[in-house]
C-alpha cells in the first residue's frame, strides 16, 4: 500500500512541477511579446518624431522661400499653413493610409 501512495505522491509532485513550469513559460512568453511590442512602438515613435521635425523644418524653409518670392515673409507662412491644413484634412479623411499598415504590423508582431 505504501508503494501506491508513494507513486501517487510522486505523480502529484510531477504534476505540480509541470504546472509551475508551464506557468513560468507563459510568463516568459508574455514578457518576450511585451518587450518586442514595446520596442516596435518606440521605434515607430522615434521615426515619427524625426519625420515630424523634418516636416516642420521643411515647412519653415518653404514658407520663407515662398514669402521671399511674394515679397512678404508672412505670405509664405499663410500659404504653407493652408497647404498643411489641406494635407491634414486629406489624411484625416483617409486614415487607413496610416492606421491600417501600423495596426497590421503591431498585430503581426504580437502573434509571432
PDB file of N, CA and C in Angstrom:
ATOM      1  N   UNK A   1       0.814  -1.196   0.000  1.00  0.00           N
ATOM      2  CA  UNK A   1       0.000   0.000   0.000  1.00  0.00           C
ATOM      3  C   UNK A   1       0.861   1.264   0.000  1.00  0.00           C
ATOM      4  N   UNK A   2       1.989   1.184   0.724  1.00  0.00           N
ATOM      5  CA  UNK A   2       2.870   2.344   0.766  1.00  0.00           C
ATOM      6  C   UNK A   2       3.423   2.667  -0.609  1.00  0.00           C
ATOM      7  N   UNK A   3       3.636   1.681  -1.403  1.00  0.00           N
ATOM      8  CA  UNK A   3       4.188   1.873  -2.736  1.00  0.00           C
ATOM      9  C   UNK A   3       3.207   2.644  -3.626  1.00  0.00           C
ATOM     10  N   UNK A   4       1.908   2.350  -3.515  1.00  0.00           N
ATOM     11  CA  UNK A   4       0.912   3.052  -4.334  1.00  0.00           C
ATOM     12  C   UNK A   4       0.746   4.496  -3.877  1.00  0.00           C
ATOM     13  N   UNK A   5       0.763   4.761  -2.551  1.00  0.00           N
ATOM     14  CA  UNK A   5       0.683   6.151  -2.088  1.00  0.00           C
ATOM     15  C   UNK A   5       1.943   6.919  -2.456  1.00  0.00           C
ATOM     16  N   UNK A   6       3.063   6.246  -2.426  1.00  0.00           N
ATOM     17  CA  UNK A   6       4.313   6.890  -2.828  1.00  0.00           C
ATOM     18  C   UNK A   6       4.270   7.236  -4.323  1.00  0.00           C
ATOM     19  N   UNK A   7       3.702   6.365  -5.115  1.00  0.00           N
ATOM     20  CA  UNK A   7       3.576   6.628  -6.549  1.00  0.00           C
ATOM     21  C   UNK A   7       2.622   7.786  -6.806  1.00  0.00           C
ATOM     22  N   UNK A   8       1.536   7.819  -6.048  1.00  0.00           N
ATOM     23  CA  UNK A   8       0.562   8.910  -6.199  1.00  0.00           C
ATOM     24  C   UNK A   8       1.191  10.235  -5.787  1.00  0.00           C
ATOM     25  N   UNK A   9       1.932  10.236  -4.689  1.00  0.00           N
ATOM     26  CA  UNK A   9       2.592  11.461  -4.246  1.00  0.00           C
ATOM     27  C   UNK A   9       3.621  11.930  -5.266  1.00  0.00           C
ATOM     28  N   UNK A  10       4.346  10.981  -5.834  1.00  0.00           N
ATOM     29  CA  UNK A  10       5.326  11.323  -6.864  1.00  0.00           C
ATOM     30  C   UNK A  10       4.633  11.904  -8.087  1.00  0.00           C
ATOM     31  N   UNK A  11       3.513  11.286  -8.478  1.00  0.00           N
ATOM     32  CA  UNK A  11       2.747  11.786  -9.618  1.00  0.00           C
ATOM     33  C   UNK A  11       2.214  13.186  -9.353  1.00  0.00           C
ATOM     34  N   UNK A  12       1.681  13.393  -8.163  1.00  0.00           N
ATOM     35  CA  UNK A  12       1.164  14.726  -7.800  1.00  0.00           C
ATOM     36  C   UNK A  12       2.291  15.758  -7.816  1.00  0.00           C
ATOM     37  N   UNK A  13       3.460  15.376  -7.313  1.00  0.00           N
ATOM     38  CA  UNK A  13       4.603  16.291  -7.308  1.00  0.00           C
ATOM     39  C   UNK A  13       5.032  16.632  -8.738  1.00  0.00           C
ATOM     40  N   UNK A  14       5.034  15.639  -9.623  1.00  0.00           N
ATOM     41  CA  UNK A  14       5.392  15.891 -11.023  1.00  0.00           C
ATOM     42  C   UNK A  14       4.363  16.786 -11.710  1.00  0.00           C
ATOM     43  N   UNK A  15       3.092  16.592 -11.390  1.00  0.00           N
ATOM     44  CA  UNK A  15       2.041  17.443 -11.954  1.00  0.00           C
ATOM     45  C   UNK A  15       2.216  18.881 -11.477  1.00  0.00           C
ATOM     46  N   UNK A  16       2.518  19.058 -10.198  1.00  0.00           N
ATOM     47  CA  UNK A  16       2.749  20.407  -9.661  1.00  0.00           C
ATOM     48  C   UNK A  16       3.925  21.075 -10.368  1.00  0.00           C
ATOM     49  N   UNK A  17       5.002  20.317 -10.540  1.00  0.00           N
ATOM     50  CA  UNK A  17       6.179  20.866 -11.234  1.00  0.00           C
ATOM     51  C   UNK A  17       5.846  21.228 -12.677  1.00  0.00           C
ATOM     52  N   UNK A  18       5.067  20.384 -13.327  1.00  0.00           N
ATOM     53  CA  UNK A  18       4.678  20.654 -14.717  1.00  0.00           C
ATOM     54  C   UNK A  18       3.837  21.926 -14.803  1.00  0.00           C
ATOM     55  N   UNK A  19       2.877  22.071 -13.900  1.00  0.00           N
ATOM     56  CA  UNK A  19       2.019  23.261 -13.907  1.00  0.00           C
ATOM     57  C   UNK A  19       2.848  24.515 -13.629  1.00  0.00           C
ATOM     58  N   UNK A  20       3.754  24.442 -12.656  1.00  0.00           N
ATOM     59  CA  UNK A  20       4.605  25.596 -12.345  1.00  0.00           C
ATOM     60  C   UNK A  20       5.498  25.955 -13.530  1.00  0.00           C
ATOM     61  N   UNK A  21       6.053  24.950 -14.174  1.00  0.00           N
ATOM     62  CA  UNK A  21       6.900  25.194 -15.335  1.00  0.00           C
ATOM     63  C   UNK A  21       6.089  25.790 -16.486  1.00  0.00           C
ATOM     64  N   UNK A  22       4.878  25.300 -16.692  1.00  0.00           N
ATOM     65  CA  UNK A  22       4.018  25.842 -17.751  1.00  0.00           C
ATOM     66  C   UNK A  22       3.665  27.292 -17.471  1.00  0.00           C
ATOM     67  N   UNK A  23       3.360  27.606 -16.231  1.00  0.00           N
ATOM     68  CA  UNK A  23       3.034  28.988 -15.855  1.00  0.00           C
ATOM     69  C   UNK A  23       4.250  29.893 -16.074  1.00  0.00           C
ATOM     70  N   UNK A  24       5.425  29.419 -15.668  1.00  0.00           N
ATOM     71  CA  UNK A  24       6.642  30.219 -15.874  1.00  0.00           C
ATOM     72  C   UNK A  24       6.923  30.434 -17.359  1.00  0.00           C
ATOM     73  N   UNK A  25       6.696  29.402 -18.170  1.00  0.00           N
ATOM     74  CA  UNK A  25       6.889  29.534 -19.610  1.00  0.00           C
ATOM     75  C   UNK A  25       5.929  30.559 -20.199  1.00  0.00           C
ATOM     76  N   UNK A  26       4.677  30.530 -19.778  1.00  0.00           N
ATOM     77  CA  UNK A  26       3.702  31.515 -20.259  1.00  0.00           C
ATOM     78  C   UNK A  26       4.101  32.930 -19.857  1.00  0.00           C
ATOM     79  N   UNK A  27       4.591  33.073 -18.630  1.00  0.00           N
ATOM     80  CA  UNK A  27       5.043  34.396 -18.180  1.00  0.00           C
ATOM     81  C   UNK A  27       6.204  34.896 -19.035  1.00  0.00           C
ATOM     82  N   UNK A  28       7.162  34.013 -19.304  1.00  0.00           N
ATOM     83  CA  UNK A  28       8.318  34.406 -20.114  1.00  0.00           C
ATOM     84  C   UNK A  28       7.908  34.747 -21.544  1.00  0.00           C
ATOM     85  N   UNK A  29       6.967  33.998 -22.099  1.00  0.00           N
ATOM     86  CA  UNK A  29       6.474  34.310 -23.439  1.00  0.00           C
ATOM     87  C   UNK A  29       5.762  35.661 -23.453  1.00  0.00           C
ATOM     88  N   UNK A  30       4.973  35.937 -22.411  1.00  0.00           N
ATOM     89  CA  UNK A  30       4.280  37.227 -22.331  1.00  0.00           C
ATOM     90  C   UNK A  30       5.275  38.376 -22.215  1.00  0.00           C
ATOM     91  N   UNK A  31       6.314  38.170 -21.421  1.00  0.00           N
ATOM     92  CA  UNK A  31       7.346  39.202 -21.273  1.00  0.00           C
ATOM     93  C   UNK A  31       8.048  39.438 -22.609  1.00  0.00           C
ATOM     94  N   UNK A  32       8.352  38.362 -23.331  1.00  0.00           N
ATOM     95  CA  UNK A  32       9.007  38.487 -24.630  1.00  0.00           C
ATOM     96  C   UNK A  32       8.130  39.247 -25.614  1.00  0.00           C
ATOM     97  N   UNK A  33       6.856  38.900 -25.682  1.00  0.00           N
ATOM     98  CA  UNK A  33       5.935  39.591 -26.595  1.00  0.00           C
ATOM     99  C   UNK A  33       5.808  41.064 -26.220  1.00  0.00           C
ATOM    100  N   UNK A  34       5.701  41.345 -24.926  1.00  0.00           N
ATOM    101  CA  UNK A  34       5.575  42.733 -24.472  1.00  0.00           C
ATOM    102  C   UNK A  34       6.819  43.539 -24.813  1.00  0.00           C
ATOM    103  N   UNK A  35       7.986  42.946 -24.602  1.00  0.00           N
ATOM    104  CA  UNK A  35       9.226  43.654 -24.895  1.00  0.00           C
ATOM    105  C   UNK A  35       9.357  43.917 -26.401  1.00  0.00           C
ATOM    106  N   UNK A  36       9.013  42.938 -27.210  1.00  0.00           N
ATOM    107  CA  UNK A  36       9.069  43.119 -28.662  1.00  0.00           C
ATOM    108  C   UNK A  36       8.105  44.205 -29.103  1.00  0.00           C
ATOM    109  N   UNK A  37       6.882  44.152 -28.586  1.00  0.00           N
ATOM    110  CA  UNK A  37       5.869  45.141 -28.936  1.00  0.00           C
ATOM    111  C   UNK A  37       6.310  46.538 -28.520  1.00  0.00           C
ATOM    112  N   UNK A  38       6.823  46.660 -27.307  1.00  0.00           N
ATOM    113  CA  UNK A  38       7.262  47.964 -26.810  1.00  0.00           C
ATOM    114  C   UNK A  38       8.423  48.515 -27.638  1.00  0.00           C
ATOM    115  N   UNK A  39       9.348  47.650 -28.032  1.00  0.00           N
ATOM    116  CA  UNK A  39      10.466  48.135 -28.838  1.00  0.00           C
ATOM    117  C   UNK A  39       9.991  48.605 -30.208  1.00  0.00           C
ATOM    118  N   UNK A  40       9.002  47.935 -30.778  1.00  0.00           N
ATOM    119  CA  UNK A  40       8.455  48.369 -32.067  1.00  0.00           C
ATOM    120  C   UNK A  40       7.765  49.717 -31.917  1.00  0.00           C
ATOM    121  N   UNK A  41       6.992  49.877 -30.852  1.00  0.00           N
ATOM    122  CA  UNK A  41       6.301  51.142 -30.613  1.00  0.00           C
ATOM    123  C   UNK A  41       7.317  52.273 -30.446  1.00  0.00           C
ATOM    124  N   UNK A  42       8.378  52.026 -29.707  1.00  0.00           N
ATOM    125  CA  UNK A  42       9.404  53.056 -29.506  1.00  0.00           C
ATOM    126  C   UNK A  42      10.098  53.384 -30.824  1.00  0.00           C
ATOM    127  N   UNK A  43      10.384  52.354 -31.632  1.00  0.00           N
ATOM    128  CA  UNK A  43      10.987  52.603 -32.949  1.00  0.00           C
ATOM    129  C   UNK A  43      10.099  53.493 -33.809  1.00  0.00           C
ATOM    130  N   UNK A  44       8.803  53.182 -33.837  1.00  0.00           N
ATOM    131  CA  UNK A  44       7.880  53.994 -34.630  1.00  0.00           C
ATOM    132  C   UNK A  44       7.784  55.419 -34.079  1.00  0.00           C
ATOM    133  N   UNK A  45       7.763  55.564 -32.768  1.00  0.00           N
ATOM    134  CA  UNK A  45       7.693  56.903 -32.186  1.00  0.00           C
ATOM    135  C   UNK A  45       8.919  57.737 -32.551  1.00  0.00           C
ATOM    136  N   UNK A  46      10.085  57.125 -32.494  1.00  0.00           N
ATOM    137  CA  UNK A  46      11.308  57.841 -32.849  1.00  0.00           C
ATOM    138  C   UNK A  46      11.284  58.223 -34.331  1.00  0.00           C
ATOM    139  N   UNK A  47      10.853  57.282 -35.176  1.00  0.00           N
ATOM    140  CA  UNK A  47      10.787  57.570 -36.614  1.00  0.00           C
ATOM    141  C   UNK A  47       9.789  58.695 -36.891  1.00  0.00           C
ATOM    142  N   UNK A  48       8.616  58.652 -36.253  1.00  0.00           N
ATOM    143  CA  UNK A  48       7.622  59.709 -36.453  1.00  0.00           C
ATOM    144  C   UNK A  48       8.119  61.043 -35.923  1.00  0.00           C
ATOM    145  N   UNK A  49       8.833  61.023 -34.814  1.00  0.00           N
ATOM    146  CA  UNK A  49       9.389  62.260 -34.260  1.00  0.00           C
ATOM    147  C   UNK A  49      10.405  62.879 -35.225  1.00  0.00           C
ATOM    148  N   UNK A  50      11.294  62.044 -35.742  1.00  0.00           N
ATOM    149  CA  UNK A  50      12.289  62.553 -36.683  1.00  0.00           C
ATOM    150  C   UNK A  50      11.626  63.039 -37.969  1.00  0.00           C
ATOM    151  N   UNK A  51      10.645  62.312 -38.452  1.00  0.00           N
ATOM    152  CA  UNK A  51       9.924  62.740 -39.650  1.00  0.00           C
ATOM    153  C   UNK A  51       9.170  64.041 -39.378  1.00  0.00           C
ATOM    154  N   UNK A  52       8.605  64.168 -38.184  1.00  0.00           N
ATOM    155  CA  UNK A  52       7.897  65.399 -37.812  1.00  0.00           C
ATOM    156  C   UNK A  52       8.824  66.600 -37.781  1.00  0.00           C
ATOM    157  N   UNK A  53      10.016  66.417 -37.227  1.00  0.00           N
ATOM    158  CA  UNK A  53      10.993  67.505 -37.206  1.00  0.00           C
ATOM    159  C   UNK A  53      11.387  67.887 -38.628  1.00  0.00           C
ATOM    160  N   UNK A  54      11.585  66.875 -39.476  1.00  0.00           N
ATOM    161  CA  UNK A  54      11.906  67.137 -40.884  1.00  0.00           C
ATOM    162  C   UNK A  54      10.806  67.948 -41.551  1.00  0.00           C
ATOM    163  N   UNK A  55       9.555  67.552 -41.349  1.00  0.00           N
ATOM    164  CA  UNK A  55       8.418  68.255 -41.968  1.00  0.00           C
ATOM    165  C   UNK A  55       8.336  69.693 -41.474  1.00  0.00           C
ATOM    166  N   UNK A  56       8.543  69.903 -40.182  1.00  0.00           N
ATOM    167  CA  UNK A  56       8.486  71.261 -39.627  1.00  0.00           C
ATOM    168  C   UNK A  56       9.566  72.147 -40.253  1.00  0.00           C
ATOM    169  N   UNK A  57      10.786  71.635 -40.307  1.00  0.00           N
ATOM    170  CA  UNK A  57      11.866  72.425 -40.885  1.00  0.00           C
ATOM    171  C   UNK A  57      11.654  72.662 -42.379  1.00  0.00           C
ATOM    172  N   UNK A  58      11.137  71.649 -43.072  1.00  0.00           N
ATOM    173  CA  UNK A  58      10.830  71.818 -44.489  1.00  0.00           C
ATOM    174  C   UNK A  58       9.755  72.882 -44.689  1.00  0.00           C
ATOM    175  N   UNK A  59       8.735  72.872 -43.846  1.00  0.00           N
ATOM    176  CA  UNK A  59       7.673  73.876 -43.939  1.00  0.00           C
ATOM    177  C   UNK A  59       8.206  75.283 -43.689  1.00  0.00           C
ATOM    178  N   UNK A  60       9.063  75.413 -42.708  1.00  0.00           N
ATOM    179  CA  UNK A  60       9.634  76.737 -42.421  1.00  0.00           C
ATOM    180  C   UNK A  60      10.461  77.222 -43.613  1.00  0.00           C
ATOM    181  N   UNK A  61      11.287  76.325 -44.144  1.00  0.00           N
ATOM    182  CA  UNK A  61      12.099  76.703 -45.299  1.00  0.00           C
ATOM    183  C   UNK A  61      11.252  77.082 -46.501  1.00  0.00           C
ATOM    184  N   UNK A  62      10.233  76.283 -46.802  1.00  0.00           N
ATOM    185  CA  UNK A  62       9.353  76.597 -47.927  1.00  0.00           C
ATOM    186  C   UNK A  62       8.571  77.884 -47.684  1.00  0.00           C
ATOM    187  N   UNK A  63       8.134  78.088 -46.452  1.00  0.00           N
ATOM    188  CA  UNK A  63       7.395  79.313 -46.145  1.00  0.00           C
ATOM    189  C   UNK A  63       8.274  80.542 -46.349  1.00  0.00           C
ATOM    190  N   UNK A  64       9.510  80.456 -45.914  1.00  0.00           N
ATOM    191  CA  UNK A  64      10.424  81.593 -46.122  1.00  0.00           C
ATOM    192  C   UNK A  64      10.720  81.801 -47.598  1.00  0.00           C
ATOM    193  N   UNK A  65      10.878  80.706 -48.341  1.00  0.00           N
ATOM    194  CA  UNK A  65      11.137  80.812 -49.774  1.00  0.00           C
ATOM    195  C   UNK A  65       9.947  81.418 -50.509  1.00  0.00           C
ATOM    196  N   UNK A  66       8.750  80.933 -50.230  1.00  0.00           N
ATOM    197  CA  UNK A  66       7.541  81.484 -50.866  1.00  0.00           C
ATOM    198  C   UNK A  66       7.349  82.944 -50.457  1.00  0.00           C
ATOM    199  N   UNK A  67       7.600  83.231 -49.191  1.00  0.00           N
ATOM    200  CA  UNK A  67       7.494  84.611 -48.722  1.00  0.00           C
ATOM    201  C   UNK A  67       8.463  85.542 -49.426  1.00  0.00           C
ATOM    202  N   UNK A  68       9.656  85.038 -49.689  1.00  0.00           N
ATOM    203  CA  UNK A  68      10.642  85.849 -50.403  1.00  0.00           C
ATOM    204  C   UNK A  68      10.188  86.083 -51.842  1.00  0.00           C
ATOM    205  N   UNK A  69       9.624  85.059 -52.466  1.00  0.00           N
ATOM    206  CA  UNK A  69       9.125  85.205 -53.838  1.00  0.00           C
ATOM    207  C   UNK A  69       7.975  86.202 -53.917  1.00  0.00           C
ATOM    208  N   UNK A  70       7.112  86.198 -52.872  1.00  0.00           N
ATOM    209  CA  UNK A  70       5.936  87.066 -52.895  1.00  0.00           C
ATOM    210  C   UNK A  70       6.203  88.444 -52.289  1.00  0.00           C
ATOM    211  N   UNK A  71       7.334  88.626 -51.654  1.00  0.00           N
ATOM    212  CA  UNK A  71       7.685  89.941 -51.136  1.00  0.00           C
ATOM    213  C   UNK A  71       7.419  90.117 -49.656  1.00  0.00           C
ATOM    214  N   UNK A  72       6.595  89.287 -49.045  1.00  0.00           N
ATOM    215  CA  UNK A  72       6.308  89.374 -47.607  1.00  0.00           C
ATOM    216  C   UNK A  72       6.455  87.978 -47.015  1.00  0.00           C
ATOM    217  N   UNK A  73       7.226  87.858 -45.941  1.00  0.00           N
ATOM    218  CA  UNK A  73       7.503  86.544 -45.347  1.00  0.00           C
ATOM    219  C   UNK A  73       6.226  85.877 -44.843  1.00  0.00           C
ATOM    220  N   UNK A  74       5.306  86.667 -44.290  1.00  0.00           N
ATOM    221  CA  UNK A  74       4.104  86.062 -43.723  1.00  0.00           C
ATOM    222  C   UNK A  74       3.187  85.472 -44.797  1.00  0.00           C
ATOM    223  N   UNK A  75       3.293  85.908 -46.038  1.00  0.00           N
ATOM    224  CA  UNK A  75       2.517  85.278 -47.122  1.00  0.00           C
ATOM    225  C   UNK A  75       2.904  83.803 -47.268  1.00  0.00           C
ATOM    226  N   UNK A  76       4.179  83.554 -47.217  1.00  0.00           N
ATOM    227  CA  UNK A  76       4.662  82.177 -47.323  1.00  0.00           C
ATOM    228  C   UNK A  76       4.147  81.309 -46.186  1.00  0.00           C
ATOM    229  N   UNK A  77       4.117  81.867 -44.974  1.00  0.00           N
ATOM    230  CA  UNK A  77       3.622  81.099 -43.834  1.00  0.00           C
ATOM    231  C   UNK A  77       2.119  80.849 -43.946  1.00  0.00           C
ATOM    232  N   UNK A  78       1.367  81.821 -44.433  1.00  0.00           N
ATOM    233  CA  UNK A  78      -0.075  81.615 -44.634  1.00  0.00           C
ATOM    234  C   UNK A  78      -0.328  80.529 -45.684  1.00  0.00           C
ATOM    235  N   UNK A  79       0.412  80.586 -46.778  1.00  0.00           N
ATOM    236  CA  UNK A  79       0.240  79.586 -47.836  1.00  0.00           C
ATOM    237  C   UNK A  79       0.595  78.194 -47.322  1.00  0.00           C
ATOM    238  N   UNK A  80       1.690  78.084 -46.599  1.00  0.00           N
ATOM    239  CA  UNK A  80       2.087  76.774 -46.056  1.00  0.00           C
ATOM    240  C   UNK A  80       1.086  76.281 -45.011  1.00  0.00           C
ATOM    241  N   UNK A  81       0.517  77.181 -44.226  1.00  0.00           N
ATOM    242  CA  UNK A  81      -0.492  76.780 -43.242  1.00  0.00           C
ATOM    243  C   UNK A  81      -1.721  76.204 -43.937  1.00  0.00           C
ATOM    244  N   UNK A  82      -2.168  76.862 -45.007  1.00  0.00           N
ATOM    245  CA  UNK A  82      -3.325  76.365 -45.762  1.00  0.00           C
ATOM    246  C   UNK A  82      -3.001  75.020 -46.404  1.00  0.00           C
ATOM    247  N   UNK A  83      -1.813  74.914 -46.981  1.00  0.00           N
ATOM    248  CA  UNK A  83      -1.398  73.652 -47.602  1.00  0.00           C
ATOM    249  C   UNK A  83      -1.348  72.524 -46.568  1.00  0.00           C
ATOM    250  N   UNK A  84      -0.795  72.809 -45.397  1.00  0.00           N
ATOM    251  CA  UNK A  84      -0.742  71.797 -44.330  1.00  0.00           C
ATOM    252  C   UNK A  84      -2.134  71.432 -43.833  1.00  0.00           C
ATOM    253  N   UNK A  85      -3.026  72.405 -43.760  1.00  0.00           N
ATOM    254  CA  UNK A  85      -4.400  72.114 -43.342  1.00  0.00           C
ATOM    255  C   UNK A  85      -5.087  71.194 -44.344  1.00  0.00           C
ATOM    256  N   UNK A  86      -4.870  71.438 -45.633  1.00  0.00           N
ATOM    257  CA  UNK A  86      -5.450  70.570 -46.665  1.00  0.00           C
ATOM    258  C   UNK A  86      -4.888  69.151 -46.574  1.00  0.00           C
ATOM    259  N   UNK A  87      -3.584  69.039 -46.428  1.00  0.00           N
ATOM    260  CA  UNK A  87      -2.965  67.716 -46.305  1.00  0.00           C
ATOM    261  C   UNK A  87      -3.473  67.012 -45.051  1.00  0.00           C
ATOM    262  N   UNK A  88      -3.581  67.727 -43.959  1.00  0.00           N
ATOM    263  CA  UNK A  88      -4.100  67.150 -42.720  1.00  0.00           C
ATOM    264  C   UNK A  88      -5.533  66.680 -42.864  1.00  0.00           C
ATOM    265  N   UNK A  89      -6.348  67.465 -43.560  1.00  0.00           N
ATOM    266  CA  UNK A  89      -7.745  67.083 -43.789  1.00  0.00           C
ATOM    267  C   UNK A  89      -7.831  65.819 -44.642  1.00  0.00           C
ATOM    268  N   UNK A  90      -7.006  65.750 -45.686  1.00  0.00           N
ATOM    269  CA  UNK A  90      -6.995  64.554 -46.540  1.00  0.00           C
ATOM    270  C   UNK A  90      -6.557  63.329 -45.740  1.00  0.00           C
ATOM    271  N   UNK A  91      -5.524  63.474 -44.937  1.00  0.00           N
ATOM    272  CA  UNK A  91      -5.067  62.353 -44.120  1.00  0.00           C
ATOM    273  C   UNK A  91      -6.099  61.959 -43.070  1.00  0.00           C
ATOM    274  N   UNK A  92      -6.800  62.925 -42.536  1.00  0.00           N
ATOM    275  CA  UNK A  92      -7.831  62.637 -41.543  1.00  0.00           C
ATOM    276  C   UNK A  92      -8.978  61.848 -42.161  1.00  0.00           C
ATOM    277  N   UNK A  93      -9.365  62.220 -43.354  1.00  0.00           N
ATOM    278  CA  UNK A  93     -10.462  61.521 -44.031  1.00  0.00           C
ATOM    279  C   UNK A  93     -10.038  60.134 -44.518  1.00  0.00           C
ATOM    280  N   UNK A  94      -8.758  59.960 -44.822  1.00  0.00           N
ATOM    281  CA  UNK A  94      -8.242  58.690 -45.329  1.00  0.00           C
ATOM    282  C   UNK A  94      -7.237  58.108 -44.340  1.00  0.00           C
ATOM    283  N   UNK A  95      -7.638  57.955 -43.089  1.00  0.00           N
ATOM    284  CA  UNK A  95      -6.702  57.495 -42.069  1.00  0.00           C
ATOM    285  C   UNK A  95      -6.274  56.049 -42.265  1.00  0.00           C
ATOM    286  N   UNK A  96      -6.879  55.343 -43.217  1.00  0.00           N
ATOM    287  CA  UNK A  96      -6.479  53.964 -43.479  1.00  0.00           C
ATOM    288  C   UNK A  96      -5.064  53.899 -44.045  1.00  0.00           C
ATOM    289  N   UNK A  97      -4.560  54.993 -44.614  1.00  0.00           N
ATOM    290  CA  UNK A  97      -3.204  55.017 -45.150  1.00  0.00           C
ATOM    291  C   UNK A  97      -2.169  54.856 -44.049  1.00  0.00           C
ATOM    292  N   UNK A  98      -2.492  55.324 -42.873  1.00  0.00           N
ATOM    293  CA  UNK A  98      -1.563  55.241 -41.750  1.00  0.00           C
ATOM    294  C   UNK A  98      -1.994  54.155 -40.773  1.00  0.00           C
ATOM    295  N   UNK A  99      -3.272  54.148 -40.437  1.00  0.00           N
ATOM    296  CA  UNK A  99      -3.766  53.261 -39.393  1.00  0.00           C
ATOM    297  C   UNK A  99      -3.671  51.787 -39.771  1.00  0.00           C
ATOM    298  N   UNK A 100      -4.073  51.427 -40.972  1.00  0.00           N
ATOM    299  CA  UNK A 100      -4.112  50.020 -41.369  1.00  0.00           C
ATOM    300  C   UNK A 100      -2.723  49.376 -41.390  1.00  0.00           C
ATOM    301  N   UNK A 101      -1.721  49.973 -42.045  1.00  0.00           N
ATOM    302  CA  UNK A 101      -0.397  49.324 -42.022  1.00  0.00           C
ATOM    303  C   UNK A 101       0.198  49.246 -40.616  1.00  0.00           C
ATOM    304  N   UNK A 102      -0.003  50.296 -39.823  1.00  0.00           N
ATOM    305  CA  UNK A 102       0.528  50.301 -38.470  1.00  0.00           C
ATOM    306  C   UNK A 102      -0.150  49.234 -37.622  1.00  0.00           C
ATOM    307  N   UNK A 103      -1.463  49.123 -37.721  1.00  0.00           N
ATOM    308  CA  UNK A 103      -2.201  48.107 -36.975  1.00  0.00           C
ATOM    309  C   UNK A 103      -1.788  46.705 -37.410  1.00  0.00           C
ATOM    310  N   UNK A 104      -1.652  46.492 -38.706  1.00  0.00           N
ATOM    311  CA  UNK A 104      -1.245  45.181 -39.204  1.00  0.00           C
ATOM    312  C   UNK A 104       0.134  44.783 -38.688  1.00  0.00           C
ATOM    313  N   UNK A 105       1.050  45.730 -38.664  1.00  0.00           N
ATOM    314  CA  UNK A 105       2.396  45.446 -38.164  1.00  0.00           C
ATOM    315  C   UNK A 105       2.370  45.075 -36.691  1.00  0.00           C
ATOM    316  N   UNK A 106       1.611  45.834 -35.898  1.00  0.00           N
ATOM    317  CA  UNK A 106       1.546  45.563 -34.463  1.00  0.00           C
ATOM    318  C   UNK A 106       0.907  44.194 -34.185  1.00  0.00           C
ATOM    319  N   UNK A 107      -0.171  43.876 -34.873  1.00  0.00           N
ATOM    320  CA  UNK A 107      -0.844  42.596 -34.654  1.00  0.00           C
ATOM    321  C   UNK A 107       0.054  41.444 -35.084  1.00  0.00           C
ATOM    322  N   UNK A 108       0.749  41.620 -36.215  1.00  0.00           N
ATOM    323  CA  UNK A 108       1.651  40.579 -36.697  1.00  0.00           C
ATOM    324  C   UNK A 108       2.756  40.291 -35.694  1.00  0.00           C
ATOM    325  N   UNK A 109       3.315  41.348 -35.116  1.00  0.00           N
ATOM    326  CA  UNK A 109       4.394  41.162 -34.136  1.00  0.00           C
ATOM    327  C   UNK A 109       3.884  40.528 -32.845  1.00  0.00           C
ATOM    328  N   UNK A 110       2.656  40.852 -32.452  1.00  0.00           N
ATOM    329  CA  UNK A 110       2.103  40.259 -31.233  1.00  0.00           C
ATOM    330  C   UNK A 110       1.763  38.786 -31.426  1.00  0.00           C
ATOM    331  N   UNK A 111       1.433  38.383 -32.648  1.00  0.00           N
ATOM    332  CA  UNK A 111       1.048  36.999 -32.896  1.00  0.00           C
ATOM    333  C   UNK A 111       2.203  36.114 -33.308  1.00  0.00           C
ATOM    334  N   UNK A 112       3.385  36.687 -33.573  1.00  0.00           N
ATOM    335  CA  UNK A 112       4.544  35.866 -33.946  1.00  0.00           C
ATOM    336  C   UNK A 112       4.994  34.992 -32.801  1.00  0.00           C
TER     337      UNK A 112
END
